Protein backbone atom coordinates (compact mmCIF):
# COMPACT_ATOMS: atom_id res chain seq x y z
CA MET A 1 83.09 94.70 87.36
CA VAL A 2 86.57 93.29 87.42
CA LYS A 3 88.63 90.76 89.18
CA ALA A 4 91.68 90.88 91.15
CA LEU A 5 93.59 88.81 93.26
CA GLN A 6 93.87 90.51 96.84
CA TYR A 7 95.33 88.98 100.15
CA LYS A 8 94.26 90.28 103.85
CA THR A 9 96.81 88.23 105.53
CA PHE A 10 100.64 87.25 104.99
CA GLY A 11 101.16 83.52 104.03
CA LYS A 12 101.35 81.03 101.21
CA PRO A 13 99.63 81.61 97.97
CA ASP A 14 96.49 80.06 99.30
CA VAL A 15 95.67 83.20 101.04
CA LEU A 16 94.96 85.04 97.94
CA GLN A 17 91.29 85.75 97.14
CA LEU A 18 89.51 86.75 93.94
CA VAL A 19 87.57 89.63 94.47
CA ASP A 20 85.46 91.79 92.40
CA LEU A 21 85.78 95.42 92.00
CA PRO A 22 84.10 98.42 90.37
CA LEU A 23 85.09 99.10 86.94
CA VAL A 24 87.12 102.61 86.97
CA HIS A 25 86.80 104.68 83.86
CA PRO A 26 90.21 106.60 82.94
CA LYS A 27 90.32 110.63 83.80
CA ALA A 28 91.08 112.83 80.98
CA ASP A 29 94.64 112.42 81.09
CA GLU A 30 94.87 108.73 81.68
CA VAL A 31 94.43 105.32 79.87
CA SER A 32 92.80 102.13 80.14
CA ILE A 33 94.90 98.85 78.92
CA LYS A 34 93.59 95.44 78.55
CA VAL A 35 96.11 93.25 80.10
CA SER A 36 96.08 89.42 78.76
CA HIS A 37 99.07 88.33 80.72
CA VAL A 38 100.89 89.07 84.26
CA GLY A 39 103.60 87.63 86.57
CA LEU A 40 104.91 87.48 89.90
CA ASN A 41 108.38 87.66 90.89
CA PRO A 42 110.02 85.59 93.32
CA MET A 43 110.62 88.38 95.48
CA ASP A 44 106.62 89.01 95.69
CA TRP A 45 105.70 85.62 96.98
CA ALA A 46 108.58 86.17 99.14
CA ILE A 47 107.14 89.21 100.66
CA MET A 48 103.66 88.18 100.81
CA GLY A 49 104.93 85.27 103.17
CA ASN A 50 107.10 87.03 105.59
CA PRO A 51 105.36 89.76 107.37
CA GLU A 52 108.69 91.05 109.12
CA VAL A 53 110.13 91.80 105.68
CA ALA A 54 107.05 93.56 104.25
CA PRO A 55 107.50 96.77 105.96
CA ASN A 56 110.59 97.21 104.38
CA PHE A 57 109.23 97.30 100.74
CA GLY A 58 106.09 99.48 102.20
CA VAL A 59 103.80 96.54 101.90
CA LYS A 60 100.60 97.24 104.19
CA LEU A 61 97.23 95.11 104.38
CA PRO A 62 94.96 94.29 102.61
CA LYS A 63 97.05 94.24 99.26
CA LEU A 64 95.80 94.38 95.78
CA LEU A 65 98.10 92.93 93.61
CA PRO A 66 98.86 94.74 90.77
CA MET A 67 96.69 92.40 88.43
CA ILE A 68 93.27 93.14 87.61
CA LEU A 69 91.45 90.07 85.21
CA LEU A 70 89.12 92.07 82.41
CA GLU A 71 86.10 89.76 81.99
């Protein structure tokens, strides 16, 4: 299993949920990388907190943030 941050509702950072996901194995033409650090841009937080703006950026809920924490 891997951990990921997910949000199902728009709002402040406290709406983020740490969820378990199955480990996905790469296909023959894909690679798997280990991530040690990630970051979010101010725009990510602005979109997450503003449901009126999110559709302009293609954001639909639930949304997994592009960071998977490997154990």
